[in-house]
Amino acid sequence: MDKVQFPVKFTWGAATAAYQVEGAANEDGRGESIWDRFSHTPGHTTDGDSGDFACDHYHRYPEDIALMRQLGLKAYRFSTSWTRVLPTGHGPVNTAGLDFYDRLVDMLLAANIEPFITLHHWDLPQVLYEKGGWTNRENLYYFADFATLMVKTLGDRINKWTTFNEPGVIADNGYVLGEHAPGIKNDRRLARQVTHGLNVAHGLATQAIRAANPALQVGIVISQWGVDPASNDPADAAMAENAFLRNDTGNFNPIFKGCYHPLWVEAAGDEMPDIKPGDMALIAQKLDFLGINFYSRTVYDKNGVVKPIPGSEYTQMGWEVCAPSFRRMLNHINNEYDLPPIYITENGSAYPDVVSADGRIHDELRLDYLRQHFTQVRLAMQDGVDVRGYFVWSLMDNFEWGYGYSRRFGITYVDYATQKRIIKDSGLWYARVIATNQVD
């Protein structure tokens, strides 16, 4: 059997997000976020689920770090709950919230697991949202202040800092599709202004992090699906490339080229955001790394999106499994932009897992999904893409946003009634990958 070997210092990890795992939503002074408000509003989430309790990671983090050690993780990517630290987004610090992250980081380091921190993974303080959210310039500076506070607290122990997780998803799912907080539908003008606000906030926070501690590495996490033509027909290829440039460059272009792509501007028409003098230079801060989240692809023919793809396998999310598209996407963005080193900050799949009679979770489909995607990333590295690490989504089953607890992405099973954790077959296999640094 062929073995795919990874470089000696390759970083293997797993990822979570604060609202999806922490729980303790009403404890120790934590304030309300837009996801608290959204999930508590009837009709927004499957079965009315919320992150109020989630995986109770806030109380069970020592058990979860023991789990990480069992898996052999080299790194753990987590996000901070802004309202746990600053209940209204600015003003007085909630020391109990800050102390939680202090303890978490110390225990990770004691376990020889490198912490990768994401400052914002979608849980905007409700108070700031009511003041205009990402369209209010004052709030963008509050985010930079939050970044400074976290660096002054944890910068002596955490080297890798990420400003945002998937700003494009915040704008599209929250303001166009309405499937995520704050639940606004079809307001494309607002979505583009939010996109620009997030880009500016990223630039401000990057500056703030470096001002507080110039030794730290700073990056951002962008979600990028594969964008593939349906055939070798040049018209299909042109449609796919046009779709990428019009739809997917709202973060890439300003950050790595200092401007919005002309086709993105054309697509915006009279819905272009308000751009202040100096904004583009502010956004285009040089970064130390880029996080890429990948799950699936979109296929285009000359007439538009093709779905479903005949003969393809789909996950429980309705996302096509197509690992070769991962390699193509990485090469595409690597050729299009002058990128810093890349970390795969999320990749995984949801399937309806069950505990078998033997007490185990035999998730062969997830295991195979990961095997295929690991292999394609290694091939992309051989193509010349500088990938330094890989974080599986997710360390454990958790609150899957609008889907509540009905979708399981974890390599660890969580029984939400008892909070018992069981490492799935995919997790046991991943532990062997990490231990040997190779994929069968």
Protein backbone atom coordinates (compact mmCIF):
# COMPACT_ATOMS: atom_id res chain seq x y z
CA MET A 1 0.00 0.00 0.00
CA ASP A 2 1.30 3.46 -0.88
CA LYS A 3 2.13 5.80 1.99
CA VAL A 4 1.97 9.58 1.70
CA GLN A 5 4.67 11.14 3.87
CA PHE A 6 4.38 14.67 5.33
CA PRO A 7 7.28 16.99 6.28
CA VAL A 8 8.87 16.52 9.70
CA LYS A 9 7.62 19.80 11.20
CA PHE A 10 4.10 19.61 9.72
CA THR A 11 1.49 20.79 12.27
CA TRP A 12 -1.41 18.37 12.82
CA GLY A 13 -4.32 19.75 14.82
CA ALA A 14 -8.07 20.03 15.30
CA ALA A 15 -10.35 23.05 15.54
CA THR A 16 -13.42 24.31 17.40
CA ALA A 17 -15.21 27.65 17.89
CA ALA A 18 -16.31 29.26 21.16
CA TYR A 19 -20.08 29.42 20.61
CA GLN A 20 -20.13 25.87 19.23
CA VAL A 21 -18.43 24.16 22.17
CA GLU A 22 -18.12 26.32 25.28
CA GLY A 23 -21.67 26.44 26.62
CA ALA A 24 -21.91 28.31 29.95
CA ALA A 25 -23.69 31.04 28.02
CA ASN A 26 -25.12 32.68 31.13
CA GLU A 27 -22.27 32.12 33.54
CA ASP A 28 -19.48 34.22 35.03
CA GLY A 29 -20.54 37.51 33.51
CA ARG A 30 -20.63 36.56 29.82
CA GLY A 31 -22.65 39.02 27.71
CA GLU A 32 -25.16 38.32 24.93
CA SER A 33 -23.91 37.76 21.37
CA ILE A 34 -25.88 37.86 18.13
CA TRP A 35 -25.82 34.06 18.11
CA ASP A 36 -27.52 33.93 21.51
CA ARG A 37 -30.25 36.23 20.22
CA PHE A 38 -30.54 34.42 16.87
CA SER A 39 -30.71 30.90 18.31
CA HIS A 40 -33.22 31.95 20.99
CA THR A 41 -35.55 33.35 18.31
CA PRO A 42 -38.09 30.66 17.26
CA GLY A 43 -37.67 29.24 13.77
CA HIS A 44 -33.99 30.07 13.31
CA THR A 45 -32.35 26.78 14.30
CA THR A 46 -33.21 23.10 13.96
CA ASP A 47 -35.34 22.02 16.96
CA GLY A 48 -34.78 25.46 18.51
CA ASP A 49 -31.26 24.40 19.52
CA SER A 50 -28.81 26.93 20.93
CA GLY A 51 -25.24 27.05 22.20
CA ASP A 52 -26.38 27.61 25.80
CA PHE A 53 -24.81 24.31 26.92
CA ALA A 54 -23.18 22.96 23.75
CA CYS A 55 -20.30 20.63 24.74
CA ASP A 56 -19.81 22.29 28.14
CA HIS A 57 -16.17 22.86 27.17
CA TYR A 58 -16.10 25.85 29.56
CA HIS A 59 -16.20 23.38 32.46
CA ARG A 60 -14.79 20.28 30.76
CA TYR A 61 -11.72 21.75 29.06
CA PRO A 62 -9.29 19.63 31.18
CA GLU A 63 -11.06 16.49 29.94
CA ASP A 64 -10.99 17.82 26.39
CA ILE A 65 -7.28 18.58 26.55
CA ALA A 66 -6.71 15.01 27.80
CA LEU A 67 -8.64 13.93 24.71
CA MET A 68 -6.32 16.04 22.52
CA ARG A 69 -3.31 14.35 24.12
CA GLN A 70 -4.85 10.95 23.43
CA LEU A 71 -5.17 11.94 19.76
CA GLY A 72 -1.59 13.21 19.76
CA LEU A 73 -2.56 16.66 18.49
CA LYS A 74 0.34 19.03 17.92
CA ALA A 75 -1.94 22.10 17.91
CA TYR A 76 -5.44 23.21 18.82
CA ARG A 77 -7.30 26.00 17.05
CA PHE A 78 -9.99 27.68 19.13
CA SER A 79 -11.81 31.02 19.14
CA THR A 80 -12.49 33.50 21.90
CA SER A 81 -15.95 34.60 22.94
CA TRP A 82 -15.76 38.40 22.71
CA THR A 83 -18.70 38.80 25.14
CA ARG A 84 -17.12 36.47 27.68
CA VAL A 85 -14.23 38.92 27.95
CA LEU A 86 -16.03 42.21 27.17
CA PRO A 87 -19.77 41.63 27.81
CA THR A 88 -20.83 44.69 25.78
CA GLY A 89 -17.95 44.53 23.28
CA HIS A 90 -16.02 47.36 24.94
CA GLY A 91 -15.69 48.95 28.37
CA PRO A 92 -15.07 47.03 31.60
CA VAL A 93 -13.21 43.72 31.31
CA ASN A 94 -14.88 40.59 32.69
CA THR A 95 -11.89 39.04 34.45
CA ALA A 96 -13.63 35.68 34.90
CA GLY A 97 -13.85 35.33 31.12
CA LEU A 98 -10.25 36.35 30.61
CA ASP A 99 -9.17 33.90 33.31
CA PHE A 100 -10.85 31.03 31.44
CA TYR A 101 -8.66 31.58 28.37
CA ASP A 102 -5.62 32.00 30.62
CA ARG A 103 -6.23 28.57 32.18
CA LEU A 104 -7.03 26.96 28.83
CA VAL A 105 -3.81 28.19 27.23
CA ASP A 106 -1.65 27.20 30.22
CA MET A 107 -3.08 23.70 30.21
CA LEU A 108 -2.61 23.34 26.43
CA LEU A 109 1.04 24.34 26.75
CA ALA A 110 1.52 21.95 29.68
CA ALA A 111 0.21 19.21 27.36
CA ASN A 112 2.70 20.31 24.67
CA ILE A 113 -0.13 21.41 22.35
CA GLU A 114 0.36 24.70 20.48
CA PRO A 115 -2.61 27.10 20.76
CA PHE A 116 -3.78 28.81 17.55
CA ILE A 117 -6.21 31.59 18.51
CA THR A 118 -9.04 33.05 16.42
CA LEU A 119 -10.29 36.33 17.85
CA HIS A 120 -13.69 36.26 16.16
CA HIS A 121 -15.69 33.26 14.98
CA TRP A 122 -19.08 34.91 14.31
CA ASP A 123 -20.33 35.72 17.85
CA LEU A 124 -20.51 39.53 17.61
CA PRO A 125 -21.66 41.25 20.84
CA GLN A 126 -25.39 41.99 20.56
CA VAL A 127 -24.85 45.50 21.99
CA LEU A 128 -22.43 46.33 19.14
CA TYR A 129 -24.79 44.85 16.55
CA GLU A 130 -27.51 47.19 17.78
CA LYS A 131 -25.07 50.08 17.25
CA GLY A 132 -24.65 49.14 13.58
CA GLY A 133 -22.45 46.04 13.81
CA TRP A 134 -19.72 45.87 11.17
CA THR A 135 -21.10 48.94 9.36
CA ASN A 136 -20.32 51.26 12.31
CA ARG A 137 -16.69 52.44 12.15
CA GLU A 138 -16.53 52.81 15.94
CA ASN A 139 -17.16 49.07 16.34
CA LEU A 140 -14.22 48.26 14.06
CA TYR A 141 -11.94 50.08 16.51
CA TYR A 142 -13.57 48.22 19.44
CA PHE A 143 -12.54 44.99 17.73
CA ALA A 144 -8.95 46.25 17.50
CA ASP A 145 -9.12 47.13 21.21
CA PHE A 146 -10.31 43.59 21.95
CA ALA A 147 -7.35 42.25 19.96
CA THR A 148 -4.96 44.41 22.01
CA LEU A 149 -6.45 43.19 25.28
CA MET A 150 -6.14 39.53 24.27
CA VAL A 151 -2.53 39.99 23.10
CA LYS A 152 -1.57 41.71 26.34
CA THR A 153 -3.08 38.76 28.23
CA LEU A 154 -1.99 35.80 26.10
CA GLY A 155 0.67 37.12 23.70
CA ASP A 156 3.47 35.82 25.90
CA ARG A 157 2.23 32.25 25.28
CA ILE A 158 0.43 32.24 21.92
CA ASN A 159 2.38 32.89 18.72
CA LYS A 160 -0.29 32.38 16.00
CA TRP A 161 -3.12 34.95 15.97
CA THR A 162 -6.05 34.97 13.55
CA THR A 163 -8.32 38.00 13.29
CA PHE A 164 -11.45 36.50 11.70
CA ASN A 165 -12.90 33.16 10.75
CA GLU A 166 -14.58 33.23 7.34
CA PRO A 167 -15.60 36.90 6.97
CA GLY A 168 -17.27 36.02 3.67
CA VAL A 169 -19.63 33.62 5.44
CA ILE A 170 -20.48 36.28 8.05
CA ALA A 171 -21.62 38.59 5.23
CA ASP A 172 -23.34 36.07 2.93
CA ASN A 173 -25.03 33.75 5.43
CA GLY A 174 -25.92 36.53 7.86
CA TYR A 175 -27.14 39.24 5.46
CA VAL A 176 -28.11 37.54 2.19
CA LEU A 177 -29.20 33.97 2.97
CA GLY A 178 -30.37 34.83 6.49
CA GLU A 179 -29.39 31.35 7.73
CA HIS A 180 -26.91 32.73 10.28
CA ALA A 181 -27.06 35.54 12.81
CA PRO A 182 -28.27 38.24 12.56
CA GLY A 183 -30.67 36.54 10.12
CA ILE A 184 -31.12 39.29 7.51
CA LYS A 185 -32.20 38.12 4.05
CA ASN A 186 -31.39 39.47 0.61
CA ASP A 187 -29.77 42.74 1.65
CA ARG A 188 -26.80 42.59 -0.72
CA ARG A 189 -25.88 46.22 -0.25
CA LEU A 190 -25.61 45.70 3.51
CA ALA A 191 -23.69 42.45 2.99
CA ARG A 192 -21.08 44.28 0.90
CA GLN A 193 -20.77 47.03 3.50
CA VAL A 194 -20.32 44.34 6.17
CA THR A 195 -17.65 42.70 3.98
CA HIS A 196 -15.77 45.99 3.78
CA GLY A 197 -16.21 46.64 7.50
CA LEU A 198 -14.76 43.20 8.32
CA ASN A 199 -11.84 43.84 5.97
CA VAL A 200 -11.09 47.17 7.68
CA ALA A 201 -11.50 45.62 11.15
CA HIS A 202 -9.04 42.90 10.11
CA GLY A 203 -6.51 45.57 9.09
CA LEU A 204 -7.00 47.50 12.34
CA ALA A 205 -6.69 44.36 14.46
CA THR A 206 -3.58 43.24 12.58
CA GLN A 207 -1.98 46.60 13.35
CA ALA A 208 -3.12 46.40 16.98
CA ILE A 209 -1.68 42.91 17.47
CA ARG A 210 1.67 43.94 16.04
CA ALA A 211 1.75 47.16 18.07
CA ALA A 212 1.14 45.17 21.25
CA ASN A 213 3.70 42.47 20.39
CA PRO A 214 5.71 42.70 17.12
CA ALA A 215 7.00 39.12 17.52
CA LEU A 216 3.60 37.51 16.95
CA GLN A 217 2.43 35.91 13.71
CA VAL A 218 -0.86 37.26 12.36
CA GLY A 219 -3.25 35.81 9.79
CA ILE A 220 -6.88 35.48 8.74
CA VAL A 221 -9.04 32.46 7.88
CA ILE A 222 -10.92 32.48 4.57
CA SER A 223 -13.42 29.84 3.48
CA GLN A 224 -12.81 28.78 -0.11
CA TRP A 225 -14.71 26.10 -1.98
CA GLY A 226 -13.40 24.65 -5.18
CA VAL A 227 -14.76 26.38 -8.29
CA ASP A 228 -14.60 23.89 -11.13
CA PRO A 229 -15.81 23.80 -14.75
CA ALA A 230 -18.18 20.98 -15.64
CA SER A 231 -16.11 19.97 -18.68
CA ASN A 232 -13.11 20.90 -20.81
CA ASP A 233 -15.32 23.27 -22.81
CA PRO A 234 -13.64 26.74 -22.69
CA ALA A 235 -17.07 28.30 -22.11
CA ASP A 236 -17.48 26.24 -18.91
CA ALA A 237 -13.99 27.21 -17.72
CA ALA A 238 -14.70 30.88 -18.42
CA MET A 239 -17.95 30.73 -16.45
CA ALA A 240 -16.18 29.09 -13.46
CA GLU A 241 -13.36 31.65 -13.44
CA ASN A 242 -15.82 34.51 -13.81
CA ALA A 243 -17.84 33.18 -10.86
CA PHE A 244 -14.70 32.97 -8.70
CA LEU A 245 -13.67 36.55 -9.49
CA ARG A 246 -17.17 38.01 -9.03
CA ASN A 247 -18.14 36.08 -5.89
CA ASP A 248 -15.04 34.87 -4.05
CA THR A 249 -12.54 37.73 -4.11
CA GLY A 250 -14.16 40.13 -1.62
CA ASN A 251 -11.54 39.28 1.03
CA PHE A 252 -8.67 37.86 -1.02
CA ASN A 253 -8.24 40.84 -3.34
CA PRO A 254 -8.26 43.69 -0.79
CA ILE A 255 -5.99 41.78 1.61
CA PHE A 256 -3.47 40.50 -0.94
CA LYS A 257 -3.76 43.07 -3.76
CA GLY A 258 -5.00 46.20 -1.99
CA CYS A 259 -8.12 46.62 -4.14
CA TYR A 260 -11.46 45.03 -4.94
CA HIS A 261 -11.38 43.01 -8.15
CA PRO A 262 -12.95 44.85 -11.13
CA LEU A 263 -15.42 41.98 -11.64
CA TRP A 264 -16.40 42.06 -7.93
CA VAL A 265 -16.99 45.82 -8.36
CA GLU A 266 -18.97 45.19 -11.54
CA ALA A 267 -21.10 42.56 -9.77
CA ALA A 268 -21.75 45.03 -6.93
CA GLY A 269 -23.01 47.75 -9.27
CA ASP A 270 -24.74 50.42 -7.17
CA GLU A 271 -24.36 48.22 -4.06
CA MET A 272 -20.66 49.01 -3.63
CA PRO A 273 -19.67 49.68 -0.02
CA ASP A 274 -18.64 53.09 1.25
CA ILE A 275 -14.83 53.10 1.16
CA LYS A 276 -12.96 55.75 3.14
CA PRO A 277 -9.59 57.19 2.00
CA GLY A 278 -6.80 54.95 3.27
CA ASP A 279 -9.05 51.91 3.78
CA MET A 280 -7.43 49.76 1.10
CA ALA A 281 -3.90 50.33 2.41
CA LEU A 282 -5.17 49.55 5.91
CA ILE A 283 -6.74 46.28 4.78
CA ALA A 284 -3.65 45.12 2.86
CA GLN A 285 -1.44 44.50 5.92
CA LYS A 286 1.27 41.97 5.14
CA LEU A 287 0.31 38.69 6.83
CA ASP A 288 2.46 35.92 8.31
CA PHE A 289 0.09 33.10 7.38
CA LEU A 290 -3.27 32.40 5.75
CA GLY A 291 -5.87 29.95 7.05
CA ILE A 292 -7.96 28.15 4.42
CA ASN A 293 -11.18 26.29 5.23
CA PHE A 294 -12.32 23.80 2.58
CA TYR A 295 -15.31 21.47 2.51
CA SER A 296 -16.58 21.02 -1.06
CA ARG A 297 -16.86 22.65 -4.48
CA THR A 298 -19.24 24.41 -6.85
CA VAL A 299 -19.35 23.25 -10.48
CA TYR A 300 -20.23 25.56 -13.38
CA ASP A 301 -21.09 25.01 -17.00
CA LYS A 302 -21.61 27.86 -19.46
CA ASN A 303 -25.16 28.35 -18.15
CA GLY A 304 -24.33 28.49 -14.43
CA VAL A 305 -24.21 26.14 -11.42
CA VAL A 306 -24.53 22.41 -12.05
CA LYS A 307 -26.10 20.36 -9.23
CA PRO A 308 -26.22 17.54 -8.38
CA ILE A 309 -23.13 16.07 -9.99
CA PRO A 310 -23.98 12.65 -11.46
CA GLY A 311 -22.25 9.79 -9.63
CA SER A 312 -20.93 11.93 -6.78
CA GLU A 313 -21.16 11.18 -3.08
CA TYR A 314 -22.67 13.85 -0.80
CA THR A 315 -22.31 14.44 2.94
CA GLN A 316 -25.24 15.00 5.30
CA MET A 317 -24.84 18.73 4.64
CA GLY A 318 -25.61 18.10 0.96
CA TRP A 319 -22.00 18.96 0.05
CA GLU A 320 -20.32 16.98 -2.70
CA VAL A 321 -17.22 14.97 -1.76
CA CYS A 322 -14.52 15.89 -4.28
CA ALA A 323 -11.02 15.91 -2.77
CA PRO A 324 -9.15 16.60 -6.07
CA SER A 325 -10.93 19.97 -6.15
CA PHE A 326 -9.05 20.86 -2.94
CA ARG A 327 -5.71 20.52 -4.73
CA ARG A 328 -6.96 22.53 -7.72
CA MET A 329 -8.29 25.30 -5.47
CA LEU A 330 -5.02 25.59 -3.53
CA ASN A 331 -3.06 25.85 -6.76
CA HIS A 332 -5.54 28.38 -8.13
CA ILE A 333 -5.30 30.83 -5.22
CA ASN A 334 -1.54 30.26 -4.96
CA ASN A 335 -1.16 31.27 -8.62
CA GLU A 336 -3.60 34.20 -8.33
CA TYR A 337 -2.13 35.82 -5.20
CA ASP A 338 1.21 36.32 -3.48
CA LEU A 339 0.29 34.31 -0.38
CA PRO A 340 2.10 33.75 2.90
CA PRO A 341 2.42 30.16 4.25
CA ILE A 342 -0.95 28.38 4.43
CA TYR A 343 -2.57 26.36 7.22
CA ILE A 344 -5.63 24.27 6.44
CA THR A 345 -7.66 25.60 9.36
CA GLU A 346 -10.81 23.53 8.74
CA ASN A 347 -11.67 20.45 6.72
CA GLY A 348 -14.14 17.75 7.63
CA SER A 349 -17.53 16.20 6.96
CA ALA A 350 -20.89 15.60 8.62
CA TYR A 351 -22.46 12.15 8.66
CA PRO A 352 -25.24 10.69 10.86
CA ASP A 353 -23.04 8.82 13.36
CA VAL A 354 -24.38 6.14 15.70
CA VAL A 355 -22.82 4.32 18.64
CA SER A 356 -22.53 0.64 17.63
CA ALA A 357 -23.17 -2.37 19.87
CA ASP A 358 -19.43 -2.51 20.57
CA GLY A 359 -19.56 1.04 21.97
CA ARG A 360 -17.61 2.51 19.05
CA ILE A 361 -18.48 4.86 16.19
CA HIS A 362 -17.55 3.29 12.86
CA ASP A 363 -17.50 6.41 10.68
CA GLU A 364 -15.79 4.95 7.62
CA LEU A 365 -17.13 7.67 5.31
CA ARG A 366 -15.54 10.44 7.40
CA LEU A 367 -12.28 8.50 7.68
CA ASP A 368 -12.16 8.08 3.90
CA TYR A 369 -13.07 11.76 3.38
CA LEU A 370 -10.12 12.84 5.51
CA ARG A 371 -7.75 10.35 3.88
CA GLN A 372 -8.60 11.64 0.41
CA HIS A 373 -8.27 15.30 1.44
CA PHE A 374 -4.98 14.83 3.31
CA THR A 375 -3.57 13.16 0.20
CA GLN A 376 -4.70 15.95 -2.14
CA VAL A 377 -3.16 18.60 0.12
CA ARG A 378 0.14 16.71 0.07
CA LEU A 379 -0.04 16.71 -3.74
CA ALA A 380 -0.71 20.46 -3.71
CA MET A 381 2.38 20.88 -1.52
CA GLN A 382 4.39 18.95 -4.11
CA ASP A 383 2.95 21.33 -6.73
CA GLY A 384 4.57 24.17 -4.80
CA VAL A 385 1.84 25.37 -2.42
CA ASP A 386 3.42 26.17 0.97
CA VAL A 387 1.10 24.37 3.42
CA ARG A 388 2.48 24.16 6.97
CA GLY A 389 -0.32 22.44 8.89
CA TYR A 390 -3.79 20.90 8.91
CA PHE A 391 -6.62 21.30 11.43
CA VAL A 392 -9.46 18.78 11.17
CA TRP A 393 -12.97 20.14 11.75
CA SER A 394 -13.83 19.32 14.36
CA LEU A 395 -12.25 18.04 17.55
CA MET A 396 -15.73 16.97 18.63
CA ASP A 397 -19.38 17.09 17.62
CA ASN A 398 -20.87 20.47 18.49
CA PHE A 399 -23.54 23.09 17.84
CA GLU A 400 -23.60 23.31 14.05
CA TRP A 401 -25.04 26.82 13.76
CA GLY A 402 -28.47 26.86 12.10
CA TYR A 403 -28.54 23.04 12.06
CA GLY A 404 -28.26 22.88 15.85
CA TYR A 405 -27.14 19.45 17.04
CA SER A 406 -28.50 17.60 13.99
CA ARG A 407 -25.12 17.55 12.18
CA ARG A 408 -22.02 15.86 13.56
CA PHE A 409 -18.60 16.93 12.23
CA GLY A 410 -16.46 15.64 15.09
CA ILE A 411 -13.71 13.03 15.15
CA THR A 412 -14.98 12.61 18.72
CA TYR A 413 -18.61 11.71 19.41
CA VAL A 414 -20.46 13.76 22.03
CA ASP A 415 -23.51 12.33 23.80
CA TYR A 416 -25.18 15.67 24.54
CA ALA A 417 -27.41 14.22 27.30
CA THR A 418 -24.45 12.95 29.36
CA GLN A 419 -21.59 14.95 27.75
CA LYS A 420 -19.67 11.70 27.37
CA ARG A 421 -16.95 11.82 24.69
CA ILE A 422 -16.05 8.80 22.51
CA ILE A 423 -13.25 8.98 19.94
CA LYS A 424 -14.63 7.81 16.60
CA ASP A 425 -12.81 5.45 14.25
CA SER A 426 -11.81 8.51 12.21
CA GLY A 427 -10.22 9.99 15.33
CA LEU A 428 -8.31 6.79 16.13
CA TRP A 429 -7.11 6.71 12.52
CA TYR A 430 -6.12 10.39 12.69
CA ALA A 431 -4.07 9.66 15.81
CA ARG A 432 -2.08 7.10 13.76
CA VAL A 433 -1.59 9.65 10.97
CA ILE A 434 -0.19 12.14 13.47
CA ALA A 435 2.02 9.55 15.18
CA THR A 436 3.56 8.35 11.90
CA ASN A 437 3.28 11.65 9.98
CA GLN A 438 1.96 9.72 7.01
CA VAL A 439 -1.28 8.65 5.35
CA ASP A 440 -1.89 5.14 4.00
